[in-house]
Amino acid sequence: MPSAMNGAEVVRGLQERAARALPAAQVEDADGWWLRHAPGCSWWVGTVLPHGGAGPRDLAERITRAEGFYAGRRAKARFQITPTVCPDGLDTVLADRGYRRERTVSLQAAPVARVAANAPAGAIEIRIDDHPARAWFETAHALHGGDPCAAWHMLDRVDRPCAFARAVVGDDVVAVGRAVADSGWAGVFGMATAPEARGRGAGREVLTALAGWAATQGADRMYLQVERDNLPAVRLYERAGFGEIHRYHYRTAG
């Protein structure tokens, strides 16, 4: 990806788009920090996005405010730590307060046209809806797990155009994925393939179909987030034309 893509403004914008595509049940704007609570959802949906500036003198106060937000909801405080976007020194201060480091995540992007051009043979049927059809939702829940009620309500909170893609073989849904269009970008979320269908191109077909949908929404770029140790997914996205533009990790209260 061009070096200009690595700028703090781009990274911050993508992470905030992702937060809108994975909306928490409660969000409090604490002087630019997004304090998010999402009971029943995947834990990263309810993490702090510390995107507002904070000098050394008020950093501890801002952290304490965030901790109070989560304590009042009987939840652990977790921070998404993104170099160039977070306030200077935040990672060190959290470490000193006993927060443990978790999960290294790669933020990746690709031109929509490149993802669409890398289409596989097209042997698998892909269906796309603008809502989570029952077949899509049941497969997504079976592959991702979690609280189905919380997941349904989270999807219902999304207020941007969405696409829910599923790969179908016979009567079976073998892979799913979701995209959300937001101001020139389309984010990719919830990609998953059934174990028995892996290695057959189903995930790639879903990704290509989502790229085609993104083009119809006026998006010319796509982004996604993938854990660095998820090697099969990293390879899939590399083959589809995605490249890393930044990395981040989390800090979780002990």
C-alpha atoms as a PDB file:
ATOM      1  CA  MET A   1       0.000   0.000   0.000  1.00  0.00           C
ATOM      2  CA  PRO A   2       1.233   3.568  -0.607  1.00  0.00           C
ATOM      3  CA  SER A   3       3.011   5.111   2.349  1.00  0.00           C
ATOM      4  CA  ALA A   4       0.354   7.839   2.529  1.00  0.00           C
ATOM      5  CA  MET A   5      -2.087   5.142   3.655  1.00  0.00           C
ATOM      6  CA  ASN A   6      -0.140   4.770   6.903  1.00  0.00           C
ATOM      7  CA  GLY A   7      -1.015   8.252   8.165  1.00  0.00           C
ATOM      8  CA  ALA A   8      -2.597   8.667  11.568  1.00  0.00           C
ATOM      9  CA  GLU A   9      -5.671  10.318  10.069  1.00  0.00           C
ATOM     10  CA  VAL A  10      -6.346   7.329   7.791  1.00  0.00           C
ATOM     11  CA  VAL A  11      -5.784   4.782  10.559  1.00  0.00           C
ATOM     12  CA  ARG A  12      -7.971   6.671  12.989  1.00  0.00           C
ATOM     13  CA  GLY A  13     -10.702   7.025  10.384  1.00  0.00           C
ATOM     14  CA  LEU A  14     -10.701   3.305   9.635  1.00  0.00           C
ATOM     15  CA  GLN A  15     -10.854   2.331  13.282  1.00  0.00           C
ATOM     16  CA  GLU A  16     -13.778   4.658  13.851  1.00  0.00           C
ATOM     17  CA  ARG A  17     -15.540   3.230  10.794  1.00  0.00           C
ATOM     18  CA  ALA A  18     -15.000  -0.225  12.275  1.00  0.00           C
ATOM     19  CA  ALA A  19     -16.517   0.951  15.562  1.00  0.00           C
ATOM     20  CA  ARG A  20     -19.616   2.088  13.667  1.00  0.00           C
ATOM     21  CA  ALA A  21     -19.777  -1.249  11.854  1.00  0.00           C
ATOM     22  CA  LEU A  22     -19.489  -3.098  15.197  1.00  0.00           C
ATOM     23  CA  PRO A  23     -21.603  -0.737  17.307  1.00  0.00           C
ATOM     24  CA  ALA A  24     -21.561  -1.150  21.063  1.00  0.00           C
ATOM     25  CA  ALA A  25     -24.760  -1.004  23.081  1.00  0.00           C
ATOM     26  CA  GLN A  26     -23.469   2.020  24.999  1.00  0.00           C
ATOM     27  CA  VAL A  27     -20.915   4.581  23.836  1.00  0.00           C
ATOM     28  CA  GLU A  28     -19.704   7.532  25.861  1.00  0.00           C
ATOM     29  CA  ASP A  29     -17.559  10.231  24.286  1.00  0.00           C
ATOM     30  CA  ALA A  30     -14.996  11.131  26.934  1.00  0.00           C
ATOM     31  CA  ASP A  31     -13.233  14.100  25.311  1.00  0.00           C
ATOM     32  CA  GLY A  32     -12.514  12.096  22.170  1.00  0.00           C
ATOM     33  CA  TRP A  33     -12.053   8.712  23.818  1.00  0.00           C
ATOM     34  CA  TRP A  34     -14.802   6.278  22.873  1.00  0.00           C
ATOM     35  CA  LEU A  35     -15.828   4.295  25.962  1.00  0.00           C
ATOM     36  CA  ARG A  36     -17.812   1.347  24.642  1.00  0.00           C
ATOM     37  CA  HIS A  37     -19.836  -1.325  26.434  1.00  0.00           C
ATOM     38  CA  ALA A  38     -21.275  -4.298  24.552  1.00  0.00           C
ATOM     39  CA  PRO A  39     -22.519  -7.055  26.894  1.00  0.00           C
ATOM     40  CA  GLY A  40     -22.727 -10.441  25.202  1.00  0.00           C
ATOM     41  CA  CYS A  41     -20.775  -9.334  22.132  1.00  0.00           C
ATOM     42  CA  SER A  42     -17.214 -10.250  21.234  1.00  0.00           C
ATOM     43  CA  TRP A  43     -15.004  -8.487  23.765  1.00  0.00           C
ATOM     44  CA  TRP A  44     -13.252  -6.178  21.286  1.00  0.00           C
ATOM     45  CA  VAL A  45     -16.589  -4.482  20.510  1.00  0.00           C
ATOM     46  CA  GLY A  46     -16.525  -3.089  24.050  1.00  0.00           C
ATOM     47  CA  THR A  47     -13.003  -1.669  24.189  1.00  0.00           C
ATOM     48  CA  VAL A  48     -11.815   1.909  24.626  1.00  0.00           C
ATOM     49  CA  LEU A  49     -10.814   3.794  21.495  1.00  0.00           C
ATOM     50  CA  PRO A  50      -8.446   6.387  23.036  1.00  0.00           C
ATOM     51  CA  HIS A  51      -8.315   8.697  20.033  1.00  0.00           C
ATOM     52  CA  GLY A  52      -8.510  12.045  21.772  1.00  0.00           C
ATOM     53  CA  GLY A  53      -5.325  13.797  22.804  1.00  0.00           C
ATOM     54  CA  ALA A  54      -4.130  13.671  26.395  1.00  0.00           C
ATOM     55  CA  GLY A  55      -0.994  15.166  27.892  1.00  0.00           C
ATOM     56  CA  PRO A  56       1.108  13.470  30.570  1.00  0.00           C
ATOM     57  CA  ARG A  57      -0.631  15.373  33.352  1.00  0.00           C
ATOM     58  CA  ASP A  58      -4.179  14.318  32.528  1.00  0.00           C
ATOM     59  CA  LEU A  59      -3.490  10.843  31.097  1.00  0.00           C
ATOM     60  CA  ALA A  60      -3.971   9.112  34.465  1.00  0.00           C
ATOM     61  CA  GLU A  61      -7.207  11.041  35.015  1.00  0.00           C
ATOM     62  CA  ARG A  62      -8.541   9.967  31.626  1.00  0.00           C
ATOM     63  CA  ILE A  63      -7.671   6.323  32.343  1.00  0.00           C
ATOM     64  CA  THR A  64      -9.370   6.514  35.730  1.00  0.00           C
ATOM     65  CA  ARG A  65     -12.507   7.889  34.091  1.00  0.00           C
ATOM     66  CA  ALA A  66     -12.529   4.983  31.639  1.00  0.00           C
ATOM     67  CA  GLU A  67     -12.017   2.493  34.450  1.00  0.00           C
ATOM     68  CA  GLY A  68     -14.985   3.996  36.282  1.00  0.00           C
ATOM     69  CA  PHE A  69     -17.154   3.609  33.167  1.00  0.00           C
ATOM     70  CA  TYR A  70     -16.436  -0.128  33.035  1.00  0.00           C
ATOM     71  CA  ALA A  71     -16.531  -0.696  36.783  1.00  0.00           C
ATOM     72  CA  GLY A  72     -20.028   0.782  36.829  1.00  0.00           C
ATOM     73  CA  ARG A  73     -21.036  -1.866  34.319  1.00  0.00           C
ATOM     74  CA  ARG A  74     -19.190  -4.723  36.019  1.00  0.00           C
ATOM     75  CA  ALA A  75     -16.835  -5.104  33.094  1.00  0.00           C
ATOM     76  CA  LYS A  76     -13.075  -5.056  32.626  1.00  0.00           C
ATOM     77  CA  ALA A  77     -11.446  -2.025  31.092  1.00  0.00           C
ATOM     78  CA  ARG A  78      -9.729  -2.800  27.790  1.00  0.00           C
ATOM     79  CA  PHE A  79      -7.890  -0.326  25.582  1.00  0.00           C
ATOM     80  CA  GLN A  80      -7.115  -0.576  21.882  1.00  0.00           C
ATOM     81  CA  ILE A  81      -3.536   0.652  21.570  1.00  0.00           C
ATOM     82  CA  THR A  82      -2.611   1.995  18.150  1.00  0.00           C
ATOM     83  CA  PRO A  83       0.765   3.719  17.728  1.00  0.00           C
ATOM     84  CA  THR A  84       0.507   7.165  16.039  1.00  0.00           C
ATOM     85  CA  VAL A  85      -3.180   7.387  17.028  1.00  0.00           C
ATOM     86  CA  CYS A  86      -3.168   6.939  20.822  1.00  0.00           C
ATOM     87  CA  PRO A  87      -1.778   9.576  23.186  1.00  0.00           C
ATOM     88  CA  ASP A  88       1.970   9.305  23.747  1.00  0.00           C
ATOM     89  CA  GLY A  89       2.825   7.177  26.751  1.00  0.00           C
ATOM     90  CA  LEU A  90      -0.573   5.498  27.109  1.00  0.00           C
ATOM     91  CA  ASP A  91       0.744   1.981  26.516  1.00  0.00           C
ATOM     92  CA  THR A  92       3.499   2.435  29.102  1.00  0.00           C
ATOM     93  CA  VAL A  93       1.167   3.923  31.705  1.00  0.00           C
ATOM     94  CA  LEU A  94      -1.311   1.065  31.286  1.00  0.00           C
ATOM     95  CA  ALA A  95       1.486  -1.488  31.600  1.00  0.00           C
ATOM     96  CA  ASP A  96       2.620   0.200  34.809  1.00  0.00           C
ATOM     97  CA  ARG A  97      -0.947  -0.030  36.129  1.00  0.00           C
ATOM     98  CA  GLY A  98      -0.910  -3.808  35.613  1.00  0.00           C
ATOM     99  CA  TYR A  99      -2.708  -4.021  32.280  1.00  0.00           C
ATOM    100  CA  ARG A 100      -1.621  -7.069  30.303  1.00  0.00           C
ATOM    101  CA  ARG A 101      -0.865  -6.903  26.600  1.00  0.00           C
ATOM    102  CA  GLU A 102      -3.064  -9.048  24.332  1.00  0.00           C
ATOM    103  CA  ARG A 103      -3.702  -9.750  20.660  1.00  0.00           C
ATOM    104  CA  THR A 104      -1.638  -8.166  17.901  1.00  0.00           C
ATOM    105  CA  VAL A 105      -3.953  -7.158  15.076  1.00  0.00           C
ATOM    106  CA  SER A 106      -3.144  -6.159  11.511  1.00  0.00           C
ATOM    107  CA  LEU A 107      -5.191  -3.365   9.942  1.00  0.00           C
ATOM    108  CA  GLN A 108      -5.192  -4.037   6.196  1.00  0.00           C
ATOM    109  CA  ALA A 109      -6.537  -2.297   3.112  1.00  0.00           C
ATOM    110  CA  ALA A 110      -6.899  -2.902  -0.612  1.00  0.00           C
ATOM    111  CA  PRO A 111      -8.420  -1.198  -3.647  1.00  0.00           C
ATOM    112  CA  VAL A 112     -11.857  -2.628  -4.398  1.00  0.00           C
ATOM    113  CA  ALA A 113     -10.877  -3.128  -8.037  1.00  0.00           C
ATOM    114  CA  ARG A 114      -7.883  -5.260  -7.051  1.00  0.00           C
ATOM    115  CA  VAL A 115      -9.936  -7.540  -4.819  1.00  0.00           C
ATOM    116  CA  ALA A 116     -12.557  -7.937  -7.529  1.00  0.00           C
ATOM    117  CA  ALA A 117      -9.889  -8.624 -10.168  1.00  0.00           C
ATOM    118  CA  ASN A 118      -8.433 -11.463  -8.081  1.00  0.00           C
ATOM    119  CA  ALA A 119     -11.637 -13.435  -8.377  1.00  0.00           C
ATOM    120  CA  PRO A 120     -11.370 -17.247  -8.319  1.00  0.00           C
ATOM    121  CA  ALA A 121     -13.063 -19.519 -10.823  1.00  0.00           C
ATOM    122  CA  GLY A 122     -16.541 -18.807  -9.482  1.00  0.00           C
ATOM    123  CA  ALA A 123     -17.581 -22.417  -8.973  1.00  0.00           C
ATOM    124  CA  ILE A 124     -19.381 -21.697  -5.686  1.00  0.00           C
ATOM    125  CA  GLU A 125     -22.727 -19.919  -5.557  1.00  0.00           C
ATOM    126  CA  ILE A 126     -22.705 -16.657  -3.585  1.00  0.00           C
ATOM    127  CA  ARG A 127     -25.838 -14.993  -2.278  1.00  0.00           C
ATOM    128  CA  ILE A 128     -25.874 -11.446  -0.906  1.00  0.00           C
ATOM    129  CA  ASP A 129     -28.609  -9.770   1.108  1.00  0.00           C
ATOM    130  CA  ASP A 130     -28.877  -6.328   2.670  1.00  0.00           C
ATOM    131  CA  HIS A 131     -30.004  -7.907   5.934  1.00  0.00           C
ATOM    132  CA  PRO A 132     -28.869 -10.950   7.944  1.00  0.00           C
ATOM    133  CA  ALA A 133     -30.985 -13.708   6.433  1.00  0.00           C
ATOM    134  CA  ARG A 134     -31.679 -16.677   8.678  1.00  0.00           C
ATOM    135  CA  ALA A 135     -29.304 -18.986   6.789  1.00  0.00           C
ATOM    136  CA  TRP A 136     -26.511 -16.404   7.034  1.00  0.00           C
ATOM    137  CA  PHE A 137     -27.080 -15.692  10.715  1.00  0.00           C
ATOM    138  CA  GLU A 138     -27.325 -19.323  11.786  1.00  0.00           C
ATOM    139  CA  THR A 139     -24.099 -20.196   9.982  1.00  0.00           C
ATOM    140  CA  ALA A 140     -22.284 -17.130  11.303  1.00  0.00           C
ATOM    141  CA  HIS A 141     -23.340 -17.973  14.844  1.00  0.00           C
ATOM    142  CA  ALA A 142     -22.337 -21.623  14.467  1.00  0.00           C
ATOM    143  CA  LEU A 143     -18.861 -20.632  13.233  1.00  0.00           C
ATOM    144  CA  HIS A 144     -18.223 -17.644  15.510  1.00  0.00           C
ATOM    145  CA  GLY A 145     -20.137 -18.673  18.638  1.00  0.00           C
ATOM    146  CA  GLY A 146     -21.176 -16.153  21.263  1.00  0.00           C
ATOM    147  CA  ASP A 147     -24.549 -14.883  22.392  1.00  0.00           C
ATOM    148  CA  PRO A 148     -26.915 -14.947  19.387  1.00  0.00           C
ATOM    149  CA  CYS A 149     -29.266 -12.365  20.906  1.00  0.00           C
ATOM    150  CA  ALA A 150     -26.430  -9.889  21.523  1.00  0.00           C
ATOM    151  CA  ALA A 151     -25.051 -10.489  18.027  1.00  0.00           C
ATOM    152  CA  TRP A 152     -28.465  -9.868  16.465  1.00  0.00           C
ATOM    153  CA  HIS A 153     -28.958  -6.627  18.368  1.00  0.00           C
ATOM    154  CA  MET A 154     -25.470  -5.445  17.398  1.00  0.00           C
ATOM    155  CA  LEU A 155     -26.223  -5.999  13.713  1.00  0.00           C
ATOM    156  CA  ASP A 156     -29.513  -4.160  14.140  1.00  0.00           C
ATOM    157  CA  ARG A 157     -27.643  -1.105  15.461  1.00  0.00           C
ATOM    158  CA  VAL A 158     -25.582  -0.652  12.277  1.00  0.00           C
ATOM    159  CA  ASP A 159     -26.830   2.447  10.461  1.00  0.00           C
ATOM    160  CA  ARG A 160     -24.688   2.187   7.301  1.00  0.00           C
ATOM    161  CA  PRO A 161     -25.360   0.138   4.133  1.00  0.00           C
ATOM    162  CA  CYS A 162     -24.569  -3.535   4.729  1.00  0.00           C
ATOM    163  CA  ALA A 163     -24.040  -6.679   2.690  1.00  0.00           C
ATOM    164  CA  PHE A 164     -24.357 -10.183   4.100  1.00  0.00           C
ATOM    165  CA  ALA A 165     -22.725 -12.720   1.797  1.00  0.00           C
ATOM    166  CA  ARG A 166     -22.910 -16.489   2.025  1.00  0.00           C
ATOM    167  CA  ALA A 167     -21.342 -19.236  -0.065  1.00  0.00           C
ATOM    168  CA  VAL A 168     -23.745 -22.082  -0.800  1.00  0.00           C
ATOM    169  CA  VAL A 169     -22.944 -25.639  -1.852  1.00  0.00           C
ATOM    170  CA  GLY A 170     -26.061 -27.702  -2.395  1.00  0.00           C
ATOM    171  CA  ASP A 171     -28.291 -26.927   0.569  1.00  0.00           C
ATOM    172  CA  ASP A 172     -25.442 -25.929   2.860  1.00  0.00           C
ATOM    173  CA  VAL A 173     -23.984 -22.516   3.681  1.00  0.00           C
ATOM    174  CA  VAL A 174     -20.232 -23.123   3.863  1.00  0.00           C
ATOM    175  CA  ALA A 175     -18.833 -19.608   4.296  1.00  0.00           C
ATOM    176  CA  VAL A 176     -20.064 -16.180   5.354  1.00  0.00           C
ATOM    177  CA  GLY A 177     -18.868 -12.602   5.472  1.00  0.00           C
ATOM    178  CA  ARG A 178     -20.234  -9.119   5.976  1.00  0.00           C
ATOM    179  CA  ALA A 179     -19.349  -5.694   4.592  1.00  0.00           C
ATOM    180  CA  VAL A 180     -20.315  -2.191   5.704  1.00  0.00           C
ATOM    181  CA  ALA A 181     -19.970   0.849   3.430  1.00  0.00           C
ATOM    182  CA  ASP A 182     -18.957   4.104   5.081  1.00  0.00           C
ATOM    183  CA  SER A 183     -17.730   7.250   3.298  1.00  0.00           C
ATOM    184  CA  GLY A 184     -15.732   5.761   0.439  1.00  0.00           C
ATOM    185  CA  TRP A 185     -14.590   2.630   2.257  1.00  0.00           C
ATOM    186  CA  ALA A 186     -16.112  -0.811   2.781  1.00  0.00           C
ATOM    187  CA  GLY A 187     -15.117  -2.727   5.897  1.00  0.00           C
ATOM    188  CA  VAL A 188     -15.068  -6.528   5.899  1.00  0.00           C
ATOM    189  CA  PHE A 189     -16.217  -8.349   9.031  1.00  0.00           C
ATOM    190  CA  GLY A 190     -17.207 -11.784  10.275  1.00  0.00           C
ATOM    191  CA  MET A 191     -15.441 -13.835   7.614  1.00  0.00           C
ATOM    192  CA  ALA A 192     -15.682 -17.553   8.417  1.00  0.00           C
ATOM    193  CA  THR A 193     -15.614 -20.852   6.549  1.00  0.00           C
ATOM    194  CA  ALA A 194     -16.950 -24.207   7.727  1.00  0.00           C
ATOM    195  CA  PRO A 195     -14.100 -26.634   8.538  1.00  0.00           C
ATOM    196  CA  GLU A 196     -15.169 -29.131   5.877  1.00  0.00           C
ATOM    197  CA  ALA A 197     -15.074 -26.449   3.152  1.00  0.00           C
ATOM    198  CA  ARG A 198     -11.716 -24.860   3.921  1.00  0.00           C
ATOM    199  CA  GLY A 199      -9.154 -24.792   1.160  1.00  0.00           C
ATOM    200  CA  ARG A 200     -11.801 -24.866  -1.576  1.00  0.00           C
ATOM    201  CA  GLY A 201     -11.993 -21.144  -2.277  1.00  0.00           C
ATOM    202  CA  ALA A 202     -15.286 -20.422  -0.510  1.00  0.00           C
ATOM    203  CA  GLY A 203     -13.841 -17.613   1.605  1.00  0.00           C
ATOM    204  CA  ARG A 204     -12.217 -16.066  -1.439  1.00  0.00           C
ATOM    205  CA  GLU A 205     -15.520 -16.190  -3.330  1.00  0.00           C
ATOM    206  CA  VAL A 206     -17.263 -14.395  -0.454  1.00  0.00           C
ATOM    207  CA  LEU A 207     -14.566 -11.727  -0.331  1.00  0.00           C
ATOM    208  CA  THR A 208     -14.766 -11.149  -4.079  1.00  0.00           C
ATOM    209  CA  ALA A 209     -18.547 -10.857  -3.931  1.00  0.00           C
ATOM    210  CA  LEU A 210     -18.269  -8.286  -1.150  1.00  0.00           C
ATOM    211  CA  ALA A 211     -15.841  -6.299  -3.310  1.00  0.00           C
ATOM    212  CA  GLY A 212     -18.397  -6.284  -6.111  1.00  0.00           C
ATOM    213  CA  TRP A 213     -21.043  -5.024  -3.713  1.00  0.00           C
ATOM    214  CA  ALA A 214     -18.678  -2.349  -2.356  1.00  0.00           C
ATOM    215  CA  ALA A 215     -18.254  -0.961  -5.870  1.00  0.00           C
ATOM    216  CA  THR A 216     -22.021  -0.507  -6.156  1.00  0.00           C
ATOM    217  CA  GLN A 217     -21.926   1.580  -2.969  1.00  0.00           C
ATOM    218  CA  GLY A 218     -19.348   4.003  -4.333  1.00  0.00           C
ATOM    219  CA  ALA A 219     -16.524   2.574  -2.210  1.00  0.00           C
ATOM    220  CA  ASP A 220     -13.174   2.310  -3.963  1.00  0.00           C
ATOM    221  CA  ARG A 221     -11.224   0.893  -1.010  1.00  0.00           C
ATOM    222  CA  MET A 222     -11.748  -1.936   1.445  1.00  0.00           C
ATOM    223  CA  TYR A 223     -10.302  -2.558   4.883  1.00  0.00           C
ATOM    224  CA  LEU A 224     -10.308  -5.353   7.423  1.00  0.00           C
ATOM    225  CA  GLN A 225      -8.700  -6.349  10.704  1.00  0.00           C
ATOM    226  CA  VAL A 226      -7.079  -9.731  11.276  1.00  0.00           C
ATOM    227  CA  GLU A 227      -5.077 -11.177  14.132  1.00  0.00           C
ATOM    228  CA  ARG A 228      -1.468 -11.678  13.077  1.00  0.00           C
ATOM    229  CA  ASP A 229      -1.361 -15.276  14.314  1.00  0.00           C
ATOM    230  CA  ASN A 230      -4.377 -16.281  12.212  1.00  0.00           C
ATOM    231  CA  LEU A 231      -2.152 -17.431   9.366  1.00  0.00           C
ATOM    232  CA  PRO A 232      -4.836 -18.967   7.102  1.00  0.00           C
ATOM    233  CA  ALA A 233      -6.789 -15.702   7.159  1.00  0.00           C
ATOM    234  CA  VAL A 234      -3.648 -13.599   6.646  1.00  0.00           C
ATOM    235  CA  ARG A 235      -2.750 -15.685   3.578  1.00  0.00           C
ATOM    236  CA  LEU A 236      -6.298 -15.411   2.206  1.00  0.00           C
ATOM    237  CA  TYR A 237      -6.234 -11.638   2.424  1.00  0.00           C
ATOM    238  CA  GLU A 238      -2.749 -11.391   0.940  1.00  0.00           C
ATOM    239  CA  ARG A 239      -3.848 -13.426  -2.078  1.00  0.00           C
ATOM    240  CA  ALA A 240      -6.899 -11.187  -2.452  1.00  0.00           C
ATOM    241  CA  GLY A 241      -4.698  -8.083  -2.650  1.00  0.00           C
ATOM    242  CA  PHE A 242      -4.796  -6.709   0.901  1.00  0.00           C
ATOM    243  CA  GLY A 243      -1.715  -5.218   2.522  1.00  0.00           C
ATOM    244  CA  GLU A 244      -0.986  -4.157   6.077  1.00  0.00           C
ATOM    245  CA  ILE A 245      -1.090  -0.442   6.822  1.00  0.00           C
ATOM    246  CA  HIS A 246      -0.745  -0.547  10.603  1.00  0.00           C
ATOM    247  CA  ARG A 247      -0.710  -2.812  13.659  1.00  0.00           C
ATOM    248  CA  TYR A 248      -2.292  -2.418  17.045  1.00  0.00           C
ATOM    249  CA  HIS A 249      -2.785  -4.408  20.233  1.00  0.00           C
ATOM    250  CA  TYR A 250      -4.909  -4.384  23.352  1.00  0.00           C
ATOM    251  CA  ARG A 251      -4.307  -3.743  27.029  1.00  0.00           C
ATOM    252  CA  THR A 252      -6.646  -5.449  29.491  1.00  0.00           C
ATOM    253  CA  ALA A 253      -6.982  -4.674  33.179  1.00  0.00           C
ATOM    254  CA  GLY A 254      -5.646  -7.405  35.444  1.00  0.00           C
END
